[in-house]
Each structure stands twice: as C-alpha cells, then as structure tokens.
C-alpha atoms as a PDB file:
ATOM      1  CA  MET A   1     157.407 -53.335  73.849  1.00  0.00           C
ATOM      2  CA  SER A   2     161.288 -54.063  73.763  1.00  0.00           C
ATOM      3  CA  HIS A   3     163.866 -51.380  74.885  1.00  0.00           C
ATOM      4  CA  ASN A   4     165.045 -51.082  71.447  1.00  0.00           C
ATOM      5  CA  THR A   5     161.770 -50.438  69.926  1.00  0.00           C
ATOM      6  CA  MET A   6     161.074 -47.743  72.387  1.00  0.00           C
ATOM      7  CA  GLU A   7     164.481 -46.160  71.560  1.00  0.00           C
ATOM      8  CA  TYR A   8     163.744 -46.263  67.781  1.00  0.00           C
ATOM      9  CA  TRP A   9     160.526 -44.426  68.276  1.00  0.00           C
ATOM     10  CA  LYS A  10     162.103 -41.855  70.771  1.00  0.00           C
ATOM     11  CA  SER A  11     164.897 -41.066  68.254  1.00  0.00           C
ATOM     12  CA  LYS A  12     162.304 -40.897  65.525  1.00  0.00           C
ATOM     13  CA  LEU A  13     159.935 -38.457  67.379  1.00  0.00           C
ATOM     14  CA  SER A  14     162.793 -36.180  68.380  1.00  0.00           C
ATOM     15  CA  LYS A  15     163.695 -35.517  64.770  1.00  0.00           C
ATOM     16  CA  THR A  16     159.933 -34.847  63.817  1.00  0.00           C
ATOM     17  CA  SER A  17     159.283 -30.992  63.377  1.00  0.00           C
ATOM     18  CA  THR A  18     156.780 -29.029  65.305  1.00  0.00           C
ATOM     19  CA  SER A  19     154.666 -28.588  62.582  1.00  0.00           C
ATOM     20  CA  THR A  20     154.157 -32.340  62.398  1.00  0.00           C
ATOM     21  CA  TYR A  21     153.045 -32.327  65.850  1.00  0.00           C
ATOM     22  CA  VAL A  22     150.665 -29.517  65.483  1.00  0.00           C
ATOM     23  CA  LEU A  23     149.063 -31.201  62.447  1.00  0.00           C
ATOM     24  CA  LEU A  24     148.735 -34.577  64.360  1.00  0.00           C
ATOM     25  CA  ALA A  25     147.075 -32.950  67.111  1.00  0.00           C
ATOM     26  CA  VAL A  26     144.576 -30.913  64.808  1.00  0.00           C
ATOM     27  CA  ILE A  27     143.774 -34.241  63.064  1.00  0.00           C
ATOM     28  CA  ALA A  28     143.173 -36.015  66.668  1.00  0.00           C
ATOM     29  CA  VAL A  29     141.015 -33.151  67.883  1.00  0.00           C
ATOM     30  CA  VAL A  30     138.941 -33.166  64.678  1.00  0.00           C
ATOM     31  CA  PHE A  31     138.695 -36.905  64.972  1.00  0.00           C
ATOM     32  CA  LEU A  32     137.617 -36.824  68.521  1.00  0.00           C
ATOM     33  CA  VAL A  33     134.980 -34.115  67.971  1.00  0.00           C
ATOM     34  CA  THR A  34     133.430 -35.770  65.021  1.00  0.00           C
ATOM     35  CA  ILE A  35     133.037 -39.338  66.316  1.00  0.00           C
ATOM     36  CA  LYS A  36     129.955 -40.004  68.446  1.00  0.00           C
ATOM     37  CA  ARG A  37     130.340 -41.728  71.925  1.00  0.00           C
ATOM     38  CA  PRO A  38     128.248 -44.908  71.840  1.00  0.00           C
ATOM     39  CA  SER A  39     127.430 -44.704  75.678  1.00  0.00           C
ATOM     40  CA  ASP A  40     125.502 -41.541  74.960  1.00  0.00           C
ATOM     41  CA  LYS A  41     123.578 -42.708  71.959  1.00  0.00           C
ATOM     42  CA  GLY A  42     119.709 -42.070  72.530  1.00  0.00           C
ATOM     43  CA  LYS A  43     119.893 -41.917  76.296  1.00  0.00           C
ATOM     44  CA  ARG A  44     118.653 -38.346  76.514  1.00  0.00           C
ATOM     45  CA  ASN A  45     115.874 -38.868  74.116  1.00  0.00           C
ATOM     46  CA  LYS A  46     114.691 -42.141  76.014  1.00  0.00           C
ATOM     47  CA  LYS A  47     114.750 -40.819  79.489  1.00  0.00           C
ATOM     48  CA  ARG A  48     112.661 -37.659  78.722  1.00  0.00           C
ATOM     49  CA  GLY A  49     110.487 -39.682  76.161  1.00  0.00           C
ATOM     50  CA  LEU A  50     111.314 -37.143  73.394  1.00  0.00           C
ATOM     51  CA  LYS A  51     111.411 -38.158  69.807  1.00  0.00           C
ATOM     52  CA  LYS A  52     114.453 -37.771  67.812  1.00  0.00           C
ATOM     53  CA  SER A  53     114.070 -34.964  65.311  1.00  0.00           C
ATOM     54  CA  LYS A  54     114.069 -35.738  61.693  1.00  0.00           C
ATOM     55  CA  LYS A  55     116.156 -33.093  60.050  1.00  0.00           C
ATOM     56  CA  SER A  56     117.514 -33.896  56.733  1.00  0.00           C
ATOM     57  CA  LYS A  57     121.391 -34.046  56.133  1.00  0.00           C
ATOM     58  CA  ALA A  58     120.935 -31.383  53.658  1.00  0.00           C
ATOM     59  CA  GLN A  59     120.118 -28.796  56.292  1.00  0.00           C
ATOM     60  CA  PHE A  60     123.632 -29.282  58.005  1.00  0.00           C
ATOM     61  CA  GLU A  61     125.836 -29.957  54.943  1.00  0.00           C
ATOM     62  CA  LYS A  62     126.643 -26.974  53.118  1.00  0.00           C
ATOM     63  CA  ALA A  63     129.349 -26.765  50.357  1.00  0.00           C
ATOM     64  CA  PRO A  64     132.427 -24.605  51.132  1.00  0.00           C
ATOM     65  CA  VAL A  65     132.393 -21.148  49.977  1.00  0.00           C
ATOM     66  CA  SER A  66     135.139 -20.697  47.379  1.00  0.00           C
ATOM     67  CA  LEU A  67     136.998 -17.251  47.949  1.00  0.00           C
ATOM     68  CA  THR A  68     137.911 -14.894  44.955  1.00  0.00           C
ATOM     69  CA  LEU A  69     141.531 -14.471  44.201  1.00  0.00           C
ATOM     70  CA  GLU A  70     141.630 -10.980  45.834  1.00  0.00           C
ATOM     71  CA  GLU A  71     139.793 -12.699  49.001  1.00  0.00           C
ATOM     72  CA  GLN A  72     142.538 -15.371  49.160  1.00  0.00           C
ATOM     73  CA  ILE A  73     145.312 -12.809  49.114  1.00  0.00           C
ATOM     74  CA  GLU A  74     143.654 -10.676  51.591  1.00  0.00           C
ATOM     75  CA  ASN A  75     142.874 -13.511  53.778  1.00  0.00           C
ATOM     76  CA  VAL A  76     146.654 -14.377  53.924  1.00  0.00           C
ATOM     77  CA  SER A  77     147.456 -10.669  54.742  1.00  0.00           C
ATOM     78  CA  LEU A  78     145.052 -10.482  57.548  1.00  0.00           C
ATOM     79  CA  ARG A  79     146.302 -13.749  59.098  1.00  0.00           C
ATOM     80  CA  TYR A  80     149.816 -12.387  58.798  1.00  0.00           C
ATOM     81  CA  SER A  81     148.891  -9.103  60.503  1.00  0.00           C
ATOM     82  CA  ASN A  82     146.542 -10.346  62.943  1.00  0.00           C
ATOM     83  CA  GLU A  83     148.368 -13.542  64.182  1.00  0.00           C
ATOM     84  CA  LEU A  84     152.058 -13.492  63.309  1.00  0.00           C
ATOM     85  CA  ALA A  85     153.269  -9.834  62.741  1.00  0.00           C
ATOM     86  CA  GLY A  86     152.898  -8.603  66.293  1.00  0.00           C
ATOM     87  CA  ARG A  87     153.946 -11.983  67.642  1.00  0.00           C
ATOM     88  CA  SER A  88     157.165 -12.008  65.557  1.00  0.00           C
ATOM     89  CA  ARG A  89     158.098  -8.309  66.398  1.00  0.00           C
ATOM     90  CA  ASP A  90     157.655  -9.189  70.115  1.00  0.00           C
ATOM     91  CA  LEU A  91     159.957 -12.214  69.758  1.00  0.00           C
ATOM     92  CA  ILE A  92     162.534 -10.185  68.074  1.00  0.00           C
ATOM     93  CA  ASN A  93     162.531  -7.383  70.668  1.00  0.00           C
ATOM     94  CA  ARG A  94     162.946 -10.039  73.542  1.00  0.00           C
ATOM     95  CA  PHE A  95     164.865 -12.896  71.990  1.00  0.00           C
ATOM     96  CA  ASP A  96     167.348 -14.763  74.209  1.00  0.00           C
ATOM     97  CA  ALA A  97     169.202 -17.338  72.233  1.00  0.00           C
ATOM     98  CA  LYS A  98     169.750 -19.445  75.135  1.00  0.00           C
ATOM     99  CA  ASP A  99     166.070 -19.714  76.199  1.00  0.00           C
ATOM    100  CA  GLU A 100     164.350 -22.685  74.799  1.00  0.00           C
ATOM    101  CA  LYS A 101     160.908 -21.259  74.577  1.00  0.00           C
ATOM    102  CA  ASP A 102     162.233 -18.210  72.378  1.00  0.00           C
ATOM    103  CA  ILE A 103     163.937 -20.646  70.023  1.00  0.00           C
ATOM    104  CA  TYR A 104     160.743 -22.725  70.050  1.00  0.00           C
ATOM    105  CA  GLU A 105     158.832 -19.655  69.454  1.00  0.00           C
ATOM    106  CA  ARG A 106     161.101 -18.476  66.606  1.00  0.00           C
ATOM    107  CA  ASN A 107     160.800 -21.983  64.818  1.00  0.00           C
ATOM    108  CA  TYR A 108     156.862 -21.661  65.064  1.00  0.00           C
ATOM    109  CA  CYS A 109     156.533 -18.193  63.546  1.00  0.00           C
ATOM    110  CA  ASN A 110     159.339 -19.239  60.832  1.00  0.00           C
ATOM    111  CA  GLU A 111     157.001 -22.264  60.225  1.00  0.00           C
ATOM    112  CA  MET A 112     153.936 -20.351  59.918  1.00  0.00           C
ATOM    113  CA  LEU A 113     155.410 -17.690  57.897  1.00  0.00           C
ATOM    114  CA  LEU A 114     156.607 -20.042  55.386  1.00  0.00           C
ATOM    115  CA  LYS A 115     153.168 -21.650  55.457  1.00  0.00           C
ATOM    116  CA  LEU A 116     151.518 -18.299  54.481  1.00  0.00           C
ATOM    117  CA  LEU A 117     154.191 -17.918  51.484  1.00  0.00           C
ATOM    118  CA  ILE A 118     153.408 -21.375  50.334  1.00  0.00           C
ATOM    119  CA  GLU A 119     149.651 -20.461  50.276  1.00  0.00           C
ATOM    120  CA  LEU A 120     150.358 -17.240  48.276  1.00  0.00           C
ATOM    121  CA  ASP A 121     152.387 -19.281  45.786  1.00  0.00           C
ATOM    122  CA  GLY A 122     149.183 -21.508  45.468  1.00  0.00           C
ATOM    123  CA  ILE A 123     147.177 -18.588  44.019  1.00  0.00           C
ATOM    124  CA  ASP A 124     147.110 -19.240  40.313  1.00  0.00           C
ATOM    125  CA  LEU A 125     146.846 -15.854  38.339  1.00  0.00           C
ATOM    126  CA  ILE A 126     147.170 -17.569  34.918  1.00  0.00           C
ATOM    127  CA  ASN A 127     143.538 -17.448  33.817  1.00  0.00           C
ATOM    128  CA  VAL A 128     142.812 -14.017  35.001  1.00  0.00           C
ATOM    129  CA  GLU A 129     142.171 -11.075  32.627  1.00  0.00           C
ATOM    130  CA  GLU A 130     145.451  -8.771  32.251  1.00  0.00           C
ATOM    131  CA  SER A 131     144.044  -5.552  34.143  1.00  0.00           C
ATOM    132  CA  LEU A 132     142.958  -7.749  37.009  1.00  0.00           C
ATOM    133  CA  ARG A 133     146.025  -9.965  37.184  1.00  0.00           C
ATOM    134  CA  LYS A 134     148.275  -6.904  37.508  1.00  0.00           C
ATOM    135  CA  SER A 135     146.658  -5.733  40.423  1.00  0.00           C
ATOM    136  CA  LEU A 136     146.428  -8.898  42.109  1.00  0.00           C
ATOM    137  CA  LYS A 137     150.271  -9.764  41.571  1.00  0.00           C
ATOM    138  CA  GLU A 138     150.885  -6.300  42.874  1.00  0.00           C
ATOM    139  CA  LYS A 139     148.875  -7.118  46.105  1.00  0.00           C
ATOM    140  CA  ARG A 140     150.428 -10.529  46.335  1.00  0.00           C
ATOM    141  CA  LYS A 141     153.930  -9.194  45.831  1.00  0.00           C
ATOM    142  CA  ALA A 142     153.438  -6.602  48.688  1.00  0.00           C
ATOM    143  CA  VAL A 143     152.328  -9.279  51.030  1.00  0.00           C
ATOM    144  CA  ILE A 144     155.146 -11.582  50.208  1.00  0.00           C
ATOM    145  CA  LYS A 145     157.733  -8.894  50.809  1.00  0.00           C
ATOM    146  CA  GLU A 146     156.134  -8.063  54.240  1.00  0.00           C
ATOM    147  CA  ILE A 147     156.486 -11.796  54.955  1.00  0.00           C
ATOM    148  CA  GLN A 148     159.872 -12.359  53.716  1.00  0.00           C
ATOM    149  CA  ALA A 149     161.243  -9.256  55.599  1.00  0.00           C
ATOM    150  CA  MET A 150     159.760 -10.712  58.704  1.00  0.00           C
ATOM    151  CA  LEU A 151     161.407 -14.106  57.935  1.00  0.00           C
ATOM    152  CA  LYS A 152     164.726 -12.381  57.340  1.00  0.00           C
ATOM    153  CA  SER A 153     164.452 -10.832  60.921  1.00  0.00           C
ATOM    154  CA  LEU A 154     163.631 -13.968  62.451  1.00  0.00           C
ATOM    155  CA  ASP A 155     166.693 -15.577  60.688  1.00  0.00           C
ATOM    156  CA  SER A 156     168.866 -12.987  61.812  1.00  0.00           C
ATOM    157  CA  LEU A 157     168.256 -14.118  65.348  1.00  0.00           C
ATOM    158  CA  LYS A 158     169.976 -17.541  65.052  1.00  0.00           C
END
C-alpha cells in the first residue's frame, strides 16, 4: 500500500464519528459469532461416535415479538433511566474540558441520547384511537423532555 493511500485512509478514519466505529464493531462481532469455523465442523461428533441431532430449523427460528406502542415508549424510557441518565449526571458532575476521556464520554452520551430521541420520533401514533393516542403522546412527550433536558446539560459542558 502506498504512502498516499495510507494517508488518505488515515485522514478519512479520523473524521469518522464514534457511533460509526461502534456500529462497525457490532456488525463485526455479529458476523464472527454467526459464522462456523470450518476446522471444528463435525470433529466432536466423529471423535465420540455420536450422531448429530436432527432438530428442525423451526425449533430455533422464532419470529421477533413486536412491542405495543406503549411498550416501545417504556423501553426507551427504561434504557434512558438505566443506561444513560446516571452516566450523564456523573459526567456533568466531574467534567473536565481538558480531559479527552471526558470529551469522548460526553460525545458518546450525546449520540446515545439523540439515538433515543430518533427512536421516539419513529413511534407512529397516527392510526391509534383518540383516547389512547393522547395518553401515549403524553408519555412520549415526558420522555422526550427528560432526554432533551439531559442533552441541554451535556451541551453546556462544551
């Protein structure tokens, strides 16, 4: 690989956001977990003289369970409360603008909070009966306000 090519990729990677790296890492892990290693194929069963079990794919493949709109909103709220609220509050209390780890942590929390907001925006309440729609809107609005308040606090750290 030439020096110019390496410099090109180095500059390109330095401009890539952290969330892109996280996404690529998750994809790589999922890929590595799902593939079978050819060197292990059938070795255990041949050594012990065991037959492979003949379980159908239907036993292992189950359709994902879809969540109700209320469960989707509650899911986002719980993820905010359990994963990001405390982490963000701790960061706000100890933030040092000169510390790269704190800056990285602030950016990470910012990205994850924005991701939760986008997820809430994707919850469609158009085809829901009026009384249920009002209560769902109120719940969603409350979660959005919590997340936005935390985002505002994190943005003030800059």
